[in-house]
C-alpha atoms as a PDB file:
ATOM      1  CA  UNK A   1     113.922 272.796  98.167  1.00  0.00           C
ATOM      2  CA  UNK A   2     110.622 272.907  96.312  1.00  0.00           C
ATOM      3  CA  UNK A   3     107.320 271.649  97.756  1.00  0.00           C
ATOM      4  CA  UNK A   4     105.596 269.325  95.404  1.00  0.00           C
ATOM      5  CA  UNK A   5     101.946 267.059  95.460  1.00  0.00           C
ATOM      6  CA  UNK A   6     100.089 265.348  93.235  1.00  0.00           C
ATOM      7  CA  UNK A   7      96.545 265.880  92.799  1.00  0.00           C
ATOM      8  CA  UNK A   8      93.493 263.489  91.433  1.00  0.00           C
ATOM      9  CA  UNK A   9      90.847 265.168  90.299  1.00  0.00           C
ATOM     10  CA  UNK A  10      87.952 263.488  90.720  1.00  0.00           C
ATOM     11  CA  UNK A  11      83.840 264.228  90.092  1.00  0.00           C
ATOM     12  CA  UNK A  12      80.846 262.899  91.833  1.00  0.00           C
ATOM     13  CA  UNK A  13      80.543 259.817  89.834  1.00  0.00           C
ATOM     14  CA  UNK A  14      84.603 259.003  89.238  1.00  0.00           C
ATOM     15  CA  UNK A  15      85.452 257.001  86.083  1.00  0.00           C
ATOM     16  CA  UNK A  16      86.035 253.257  86.385  1.00  0.00           C
ATOM     17  CA  UNK A  17      89.824 252.166  86.246  1.00  0.00           C
ATOM     18  CA  UNK A  18      92.840 253.948  88.569  1.00  0.00           C
ATOM     19  CA  UNK A  19      96.059 252.699  88.757  1.00  0.00           C
ATOM     20  CA  UNK A  20      97.615 251.787  91.828  1.00  0.00           C
ATOM     21  CA  UNK A  21      99.654 254.283  91.385  1.00  0.00           C
ATOM     22  CA  UNK A  22      97.057 256.604  90.933  1.00  0.00           C
ATOM     23  CA  UNK A  23      95.414 255.183  94.106  1.00  0.00           C
ATOM     24  CA  UNK A  24      98.551 255.545  96.362  1.00  0.00           C
ATOM     25  CA  UNK A  25      98.421 260.219  95.426  1.00  0.00           C
ATOM     26  CA  UNK A  26      96.030 262.343  97.656  1.00  0.00           C
ATOM     27  CA  UNK A  27      92.717 262.840  96.319  1.00  0.00           C
ATOM     28  CA  UNK A  28      90.603 265.674  96.246  1.00  0.00           C
ATOM     29  CA  UNK A  29      86.602 265.436  94.839  1.00  0.00           C
ATOM     30  CA  UNK A  30      85.010 268.267  92.505  1.00  0.00           C
ATOM     31  CA  UNK A  31      81.141 268.539  92.949  1.00  0.00           C
ATOM     32  CA  UNK A  32      80.192 268.768  89.512  1.00  0.00           C
ATOM     33  CA  UNK A  33      76.611 269.405  88.497  1.00  0.00           C
ATOM     34  CA  UNK A  34      75.263 270.075  84.967  1.00  0.00           C
ATOM     35  CA  UNK A  35      71.674 271.911  84.886  1.00  0.00           C
ATOM     36  CA  UNK A  36      69.830 270.370  81.179  1.00  0.00           C
ATOM     37  CA  UNK A  37      66.725 270.306  79.560  1.00  0.00           C
ATOM     38  CA  UNK A  38      66.447 267.179  81.109  1.00  0.00           C
ATOM     39  CA  UNK A  39      66.677 268.161  85.001  1.00  0.00           C
ATOM     40  CA  UNK A  40      70.637 268.302  86.912  1.00  0.00           C
ATOM     41  CA  UNK A  41      72.902 265.495  86.091  1.00  0.00           C
ATOM     42  CA  UNK A  42      76.508 265.071  86.896  1.00  0.00           C
ATOM     43  CA  UNK A  43      79.490 264.766  84.702  1.00  0.00           C
ATOM     44  CA  UNK A  44      82.317 262.123  85.237  1.00  0.00           C
ATOM     45  CA  UNK A  45      86.284 263.540  85.405  1.00  0.00           C
ATOM     46  CA  UNK A  46      89.182 262.234  86.491  1.00  0.00           C
ATOM     47  CA  UNK A  47      92.531 264.141  86.033  1.00  0.00           C
ATOM     48  CA  UNK A  48      95.942 263.844  88.036  1.00  0.00           C
ATOM     49  CA  UNK A  49      97.377 267.659  88.535  1.00  0.00           C
ATOM     50  CA  UNK A  50     100.812 267.945  89.743  1.00  0.00           C
ATOM     51  CA  UNK A  51     102.081 271.467  91.403  1.00  0.00           C
ATOM     52  CA  UNK A  52     105.136 273.045  92.149  1.00  0.00           C
ATOM     53  CA  UNK A  53     106.481 276.188  94.481  1.00  0.00           C
ATOM     54  CA  UNK A  54     109.466 276.759  96.517  1.00  0.00           C
ATOM     55  CA  UNK A  55     109.275 275.864 100.231  1.00  0.00           C
ATOM     56  CA  UNK A  56     110.550 279.189 100.992  1.00  0.00           C
ATOM     57  CA  UNK A  57     111.195 282.517  99.652  1.00  0.00           C
ATOM     58  CA  UNK A  58     112.074 286.329 101.134  1.00  0.00           C
ATOM     59  CA  UNK A  59     109.804 288.965 101.687  1.00  0.00           C
ATOM     60  CA  UNK A  60     109.145 291.176  98.564  1.00  0.00           C
ATOM     61  CA  UNK A  61     110.713 288.892  96.030  1.00  0.00           C
ATOM     62  CA  UNK A  62     109.530 287.029  92.583  1.00  0.00           C
ATOM     63  CA  UNK A  63     109.267 283.592  92.262  1.00  0.00           C
ATOM     64  CA  UNK A  64     106.993 280.988  90.177  1.00  0.00           C
ATOM     65  CA  UNK A  65     104.563 278.276  91.321  1.00  0.00           C
ATOM     66  CA  UNK A  66     103.348 275.893  88.458  1.00  0.00           C
ATOM     67  CA  UNK A  67      99.845 273.698  88.136  1.00  0.00           C
ATOM     68  CA  UNK A  68     100.627 271.188  85.556  1.00  0.00           C
ATOM     69  CA  UNK A  69      97.125 268.891  85.048  1.00  0.00           C
ATOM     70  CA  UNK A  70      98.225 265.431  83.251  1.00  0.00           C
ATOM     71  CA  UNK A  71      96.466 263.593  80.856  1.00  0.00           C
ATOM     72  CA  UNK A  72      93.137 262.457  81.253  1.00  0.00           C
ATOM     73  CA  UNK A  73      90.315 261.167  79.620  1.00  0.00           C
ATOM     74  CA  UNK A  74      86.771 262.767  79.190  1.00  0.00           C
ATOM     75  CA  UNK A  75      83.981 259.834  79.917  1.00  0.00           C
ATOM     76  CA  UNK A  76      81.993 258.827  76.669  1.00  0.00           C
ATOM     77  CA  UNK A  77      78.873 258.433  78.770  1.00  0.00           C
ATOM     78  CA  UNK A  78      77.584 259.714  81.694  1.00  0.00           C
ATOM     79  CA  UNK A  79      74.412 258.424  83.197  1.00  0.00           C
ATOM     80  CA  UNK A  80      72.903 257.172  80.560  1.00  0.00           C
ATOM     81  CA  UNK A  81      73.418 260.015  78.315  1.00  0.00           C
ATOM     82  CA  UNK A  82      76.234 260.180  75.542  1.00  0.00           C
ATOM     83  CA  UNK A  83      78.392 263.175  76.359  1.00  0.00           C
ATOM     84  CA  UNK A  84      79.070 264.100  72.654  1.00  0.00           C
ATOM     85  CA  UNK A  85      81.785 266.980  73.239  1.00  0.00           C
ATOM     86  CA  UNK A  86      82.781 269.429  75.861  1.00  0.00           C
ATOM     87  CA  UNK A  87      83.124 273.205  74.605  1.00  0.00           C
ATOM     88  CA  UNK A  88      84.092 276.699  76.385  1.00  0.00           C
ATOM     89  CA  UNK A  89      85.957 274.834  79.106  1.00  0.00           C
ATOM     90  CA  UNK A  90      87.257 277.555  82.382  1.00  0.00           C
ATOM     91  CA  UNK A  91      89.705 276.885  84.741  1.00  0.00           C
ATOM     92  CA  UNK A  92      90.475 279.098  88.136  1.00  0.00           C
ATOM     93  CA  UNK A  93      93.223 279.470  90.407  1.00  0.00           C
ATOM     94  CA  UNK A  94      93.111 282.113  92.624  1.00  0.00           C
ATOM     95  CA  UNK A  95      96.340 284.125  93.448  1.00  0.00           C
ATOM     96  CA  UNK A  96      97.288 282.942  96.775  1.00  0.00           C
ATOM     97  CA  UNK A  97      96.864 285.085  99.579  1.00  0.00           C
ATOM     98  CA  UNK A  98     100.088 287.102 101.046  1.00  0.00           C
ATOM     99  CA  UNK A  99     101.771 287.389  97.500  1.00  0.00           C
ATOM    100  CA  UNK A 100     100.877 289.645  94.672  1.00  0.00           C
ATOM    101  CA  UNK A 101     100.205 288.628  91.113  1.00  0.00           C
ATOM    102  CA  UNK A 102     102.900 289.617  88.278  1.00  0.00           C
ATOM    103  CA  UNK A 103     102.038 287.022  85.269  1.00  0.00           C
ATOM    104  CA  UNK A 104     100.762 284.013  83.978  1.00  0.00           C
ATOM    105  CA  UNK A 105     101.718 281.664  80.969  1.00  0.00           C
ATOM    106  CA  UNK A 106     100.421 278.184  79.595  1.00  0.00           C
ATOM    107  CA  UNK A 107     102.950 275.958  77.653  1.00  0.00           C
ATOM    108  CA  UNK A 108     101.583 272.683  76.422  1.00  0.00           C
ATOM    109  CA  UNK A 109      98.677 271.155  76.224  1.00  0.00           C
ATOM    110  CA  UNK A 110      97.431 268.153  73.752  1.00  0.00           C
ATOM    111  CA  UNK A 111      93.565 267.191  72.497  1.00  0.00           C
ATOM    112  CA  UNK A 112      91.942 270.484  72.842  1.00  0.00           C
ATOM    113  CA  UNK A 113      91.424 271.125  69.082  1.00  0.00           C
ATOM    114  CA  UNK A 114      91.870 275.320  69.987  1.00  0.00           C
ATOM    115  CA  UNK A 115      94.405 276.994  71.641  1.00  0.00           C
ATOM    116  CA  UNK A 116      94.227 277.364  75.061  1.00  0.00           C
ATOM    117  CA  UNK A 117      94.206 281.391  76.602  1.00  0.00           C
ATOM    118  CA  UNK A 118      95.245 282.421  79.919  1.00  0.00           C
ATOM    119  CA  UNK A 119      93.975 285.742  81.561  1.00  0.00           C
ATOM    120  CA  UNK A 120      93.556 287.308  85.445  1.00  0.00           C
ATOM    121  CA  UNK A 121      90.029 287.910  86.626  1.00  0.00           C
ATOM    122  CA  UNK A 122      90.045 290.063  89.489  1.00  0.00           C
ATOM    123  CA  UNK A 123      92.320 287.967  91.511  1.00  0.00           C
ATOM    124  CA  UNK A 124      92.430 284.801  89.846  1.00  0.00           C
ATOM    125  CA  UNK A 125      93.737 283.332  86.979  1.00  0.00           C
ATOM    126  CA  UNK A 126      91.930 281.493  83.975  1.00  0.00           C
ATOM    127  CA  UNK A 127      92.935 279.165  81.807  1.00  0.00           C
ATOM    128  CA  UNK A 128      90.016 279.302  78.743  1.00  0.00           C
ATOM    129  CA  UNK A 129      90.077 276.324  76.257  1.00  0.00           C
ATOM    130  CA  UNK A 130      87.233 276.549  73.794  1.00  0.00           C
ATOM    131  CA  UNK A 131      86.977 273.037  72.608  1.00  0.00           C
ATOM    132  CA  UNK A 132      85.764 271.239  71.269  1.00  0.00           C
ATOM    133  CA  UNK A 133      86.886 267.953  73.433  1.00  0.00           C
ATOM    134  CA  UNK A 134      85.184 264.772  71.800  1.00  0.00           C
ATOM    135  CA  UNK A 135      83.086 262.364  74.706  1.00  0.00           C
ATOM    136  CA  UNK A 136      85.791 259.620  75.407  1.00  0.00           C
ATOM    137  CA  UNK A 137      88.789 261.796  74.139  1.00  0.00           C
ATOM    138  CA  UNK A 138      92.198 261.901  75.428  1.00  0.00           C
ATOM    139  CA  UNK A 139      93.337 265.412  76.675  1.00  0.00           C
ATOM    140  CA  UNK A 140      96.231 267.168  78.610  1.00  0.00           C
ATOM    141  CA  UNK A 141      95.553 270.977  79.514  1.00  0.00           C
ATOM    142  CA  UNK A 142      98.635 273.272  79.419  1.00  0.00           C
ATOM    143  CA  UNK A 143     101.050 273.884  81.916  1.00  0.00           C
ATOM    144  CA  UNK A 144     100.281 276.995  83.933  1.00  0.00           C
ATOM    145  CA  UNK A 145     103.144 279.495  85.255  1.00  0.00           C
ATOM    146  CA  UNK A 146     102.309 282.167  87.652  1.00  0.00           C
ATOM    147  CA  UNK A 147     104.733 285.123  88.218  1.00  0.00           C
ATOM    148  CA  UNK A 148     104.162 286.210  92.139  1.00  0.00           C
ATOM    149  CA  UNK A 149     105.588 289.050  94.604  1.00  0.00           C
ATOM    150  CA  UNK A 150     105.546 287.382  97.871  1.00  0.00           C
ATOM    151  CA  UNK A 151     104.146 289.445 101.004  1.00  0.00           C
ATOM    152  CA  UNK A 152     105.652 289.805 104.854  1.00  0.00           C
ATOM    153  CA  UNK A 153     107.676 287.616 106.211  1.00  0.00           C
ATOM    154  CA  UNK A 154     106.513 284.718 108.438  1.00  0.00           C
ATOM    155  CA  UNK A 155     103.146 284.420 105.878  1.00  0.00           C
ATOM    156  CA  UNK A 156     102.568 281.504 104.131  1.00  0.00           C
ATOM    157  CA  UNK A 157     101.712 281.650 100.204  1.00  0.00           C
ATOM    158  CA  UNK A 158      99.097 278.592  99.740  1.00  0.00           C
ATOM    159  CA  UNK A 159      98.082 277.401  96.016  1.00  0.00           C
ATOM    160  CA  UNK A 160      94.751 275.993  95.726  1.00  0.00           C
ATOM    161  CA  UNK A 161      92.270 275.211  93.595  1.00  0.00           C
ATOM    162  CA  UNK A 162      88.692 278.111  93.412  1.00  0.00           C
ATOM    163  CA  UNK A 163      85.417 276.570  94.005  1.00  0.00           C
ATOM    164  CA  UNK A 164      83.437 276.714  97.255  1.00  0.00           C
ATOM    165  CA  UNK A 165      79.828 275.936  95.520  1.00  0.00           C
ATOM    166  CA  UNK A 166      78.001 274.830  92.453  1.00  0.00           C
ATOM    167  CA  UNK A 167      77.161 278.958  92.497  1.00  0.00           C
ATOM    168  CA  UNK A 168      80.885 279.325  93.157  1.00  0.00           C
ATOM    169  CA  UNK A 169      82.624 277.337  91.194  1.00  0.00           C
ATOM    170  CA  UNK A 170      86.171 277.076  89.707  1.00  0.00           C
ATOM    171  CA  UNK A 171      85.737 274.473  86.659  1.00  0.00           C
ATOM    172  CA  UNK A 172      82.968 275.595  84.458  1.00  0.00           C
ATOM    173  CA  UNK A 173      82.362 274.106  80.849  1.00  0.00           C
ATOM    174  CA  UNK A 174      79.286 273.648  78.246  1.00  0.00           C
ATOM    175  CA  UNK A 175      78.405 269.431  78.063  1.00  0.00           C
ATOM    176  CA  UNK A 176      76.490 268.371  75.092  1.00  0.00           C
ATOM    177  CA  UNK A 177      74.437 265.200  75.664  1.00  0.00           C
ATOM    178  CA  UNK A 178      72.862 263.082  73.240  1.00  0.00           C
ATOM    179  CA  UNK A 179      69.549 261.017  74.709  1.00  0.00           C
ATOM    180  CA  UNK A 180      68.139 258.925  71.824  1.00  0.00           C
ATOM    181  CA  UNK A 181      67.325 260.914  69.015  1.00  0.00           C
ATOM    182  CA  UNK A 182      68.019 264.147  71.031  1.00  0.00           C
ATOM    183  CA  UNK A 183      70.477 266.745  71.808  1.00  0.00           C
ATOM    184  CA  UNK A 184      70.676 269.316  74.339  1.00  0.00           C
ATOM    185  CA  UNK A 185      73.741 271.660  75.663  1.00  0.00           C
ATOM    186  CA  UNK A 186      73.839 271.741  79.781  1.00  0.00           C
ATOM    187  CA  UNK A 187      75.880 274.387  81.771  1.00  0.00           C
ATOM    188  CA  UNK A 188      78.565 272.079  84.323  1.00  0.00           C
ATOM    189  CA  UNK A 189      79.729 273.664  87.335  1.00  0.00           C
ATOM    190  CA  UNK A 190      82.224 272.323  89.461  1.00  0.00           C
ATOM    191  CA  UNK A 191      84.034 273.141  93.094  1.00  0.00           C
ATOM    192  CA  UNK A 192      86.486 270.986  94.651  1.00  0.00           C
ATOM    193  CA  UNK A 193      85.392 269.453  98.017  1.00  0.00           C
ATOM    194  CA  UNK A 194      87.874 268.977  99.742  1.00  0.00           C
ATOM    195  CA  UNK A 195      90.221 271.426  98.443  1.00  0.00           C
ATOM    196  CA  UNK A 196      93.407 270.549 100.146  1.00  0.00           C
ATOM    197  CA  UNK A 197      96.333 272.947  98.922  1.00  0.00           C
ATOM    198  CA  UNK A 198      98.191 271.963  96.806  1.00  0.00           C
ATOM    199  CA  UNK A 199     101.731 273.881  97.560  1.00  0.00           C
ATOM    200  CA  UNK A 200     102.746 275.928 100.476  1.00  0.00           C
ATOM    201  CA  UNK A 201     105.658 278.448 100.882  1.00  0.00           C
ATOM    202  CA  UNK A 202     106.802 280.254 103.796  1.00  0.00           C
ATOM    203  CA  UNK A 203     107.932 283.834 103.499  1.00  0.00           C
ATOM    204  CA  UNK A 204     110.961 284.234 105.962  1.00  0.00           C
END
């Protein structure tokens, strides 16, 4: 039987509305920091993310984990600054311990104004979206499917998001902010805090 969890990702200052169904889901927080010419600012994001993987696999067998970001909406304003657009978004998912990477592919996605790409960088699978995605716009990141090979019997393979600090982020992007007549582009770095496992697969 496949494991299945739904994760709602919230930045430090979440958007104002959440349906009853969303509120009942497990919640994790992304701590985000934007470094602009006006000083450090925060960027608000809210997004559901579903993940699937088999509950059990045999040693040295191939299996797939899937991470499916749900439709979301960028904020139009961040603490008095107008968010004009987001570019160069990168979402990182580590290759789980007790497994080895075989391949990855993307399907779906909308409102991105570019073709997303996926690649392996070191031990991380990275989804890249050039954009631009306008502030206030609806969007959906593509579904990521990663093909893995299991390790030794008795071990557990957990799917988690990347990131432990602002200096070790799992989500990065460039945000164009406007204040009065001035516009600046700010690099944004985010990490999940806390960072629960999205899926868990036992090797047996």
